[in-house]
Amino acid sequence: MAAFADLSGLPLTPQLVETALADILPRRSEVLPQEVIRKVAEAYGISVDGLLGRDRSHQIALPRQVAMYLLREESKVSLPRSAKP
């Protein structure tokens, strides 16, 4: 980064770093809540209805917690909000 800043004649700033790394860093696409729910259900071998239902068994609770975490971190929505069409 220091060499890039020196060669470009610009001060080393966060914006310069972002510009320099733009082609290297992967671009994040928007994550659809319904896709997260479907993928988590598929990964744990349960139905989407089971994941969104009222069942509190361990077989459902763990995947539901994973889905809630992913939705909160990636989509900034909750599981109940994402289940609505």
Protein backbone atom coordinates (compact mmCIF):
# COMPACT_ATOMS: atom_id res chain seq x y z
CA MET A 1 0.00 0.00 0.00
CA ALA A 2 2.84 2.36 0.81
CA ALA A 3 4.38 1.75 -2.62
CA PHE A 4 1.02 2.32 -4.34
CA ALA A 5 0.54 5.60 -2.45
CA ASP A 6 4.09 6.70 -3.28
CA LEU A 7 3.74 5.83 -6.98
CA SER A 8 0.36 7.53 -7.28
CA GLY A 9 1.60 10.60 -5.40
CA LEU A 10 -1.32 10.48 -2.99
CA PRO A 11 -1.39 10.26 0.80
CA LEU A 12 -2.15 6.86 2.29
CA THR A 13 -5.83 6.99 3.28
CA PRO A 14 -8.57 4.39 3.76
CA GLN A 15 -10.11 5.53 0.46
CA LEU A 16 -6.81 4.97 -1.36
CA VAL A 17 -6.52 1.48 0.15
CA GLU A 18 -10.08 0.68 -0.91
CA THR A 19 -9.35 1.91 -4.44
CA ALA A 20 -6.13 -0.07 -4.65
CA LEU A 21 -7.73 -3.28 -3.42
CA ALA A 22 -11.01 -2.95 -5.33
CA ASP A 23 -10.00 -5.52 -7.95
CA ILE A 24 -8.55 -7.95 -5.40
CA LEU A 25 -11.29 -8.01 -2.76
CA PRO A 26 -14.41 -10.00 -3.58
CA ARG A 27 -17.55 -7.99 -4.09
CA ARG A 28 -20.39 -8.84 -1.76
CA SER A 29 -23.75 -9.28 -3.35
CA GLU A 30 -27.03 -8.77 -1.59
CA VAL A 31 -28.18 -11.84 0.29
CA LEU A 32 -31.88 -12.61 -0.02
CA PRO A 33 -33.45 -13.74 3.28
CA GLN A 34 -35.53 -16.45 1.57
CA GLU A 35 -32.36 -17.89 0.05
CA VAL A 36 -30.65 -18.04 3.46
CA ILE A 37 -33.65 -19.85 4.93
CA ARG A 38 -33.79 -22.30 2.03
CA LYS A 39 -30.04 -23.03 2.12
CA VAL A 40 -29.97 -23.56 5.91
CA ALA A 41 -32.98 -25.90 5.72
CA GLU A 42 -31.33 -27.80 2.88
CA ALA A 43 -27.98 -28.05 4.71
CA TYR A 44 -29.63 -29.51 7.83
CA GLY A 45 -32.01 -31.76 5.91
CA ILE A 46 -35.20 -30.16 7.20
CA SER A 47 -38.07 -28.41 5.48
CA VAL A 48 -38.43 -24.65 5.27
CA ASP A 49 -41.80 -25.03 7.02
CA GLY A 50 -40.06 -26.93 9.82
CA LEU A 51 -37.44 -24.22 10.16
CA LEU A 52 -40.09 -21.51 10.34
CA GLY A 53 -42.55 -23.51 12.48
CA ARG A 54 -43.03 -23.70 16.23
CA ASP A 55 -41.09 -26.95 16.82
CA ARG A 56 -38.40 -26.48 19.49
CA SER A 57 -36.64 -29.83 19.16
CA HIS A 58 -32.85 -29.85 18.88
CA GLN A 59 -33.15 -31.04 15.28
CA ILE A 60 -34.94 -27.76 14.43
CA ALA A 61 -33.58 -25.37 17.09
CA LEU A 62 -29.94 -25.45 15.99
CA PRO A 63 -30.65 -24.82 12.28
CA ARG A 64 -33.08 -22.06 13.28
CA GLN A 65 -30.38 -20.39 15.38
CA VAL A 66 -27.93 -20.64 12.47
CA ALA A 67 -30.51 -19.09 10.13
CA MET A 68 -31.24 -16.30 12.61
CA TYR A 69 -27.54 -15.52 12.97
CA LEU A 70 -26.93 -15.45 9.22
CA LEU A 71 -30.00 -13.31 8.60
CA ARG A 72 -29.01 -10.84 11.29
CA GLU A 73 -25.39 -10.58 10.10
CA GLU A 74 -25.88 -10.65 6.33
CA SER A 75 -29.33 -9.22 5.69
CA LYS A 76 -29.94 -7.16 8.83
CA VAL A 77 -33.38 -8.77 9.25
CA SER A 78 -34.90 -11.17 11.75
CA LEU A 79 -36.21 -14.65 10.99
CA PRO A 80 -39.88 -13.69 11.46
CA ARG A 81 -39.52 -10.62 9.19
CA SER A 82 -37.77 -12.65 6.49
CA ALA A 83 -40.48 -15.31 6.46
CA LYS A 84 -43.07 -12.80 5.23
CA PRO A 85 -43.57 -12.66 1.44
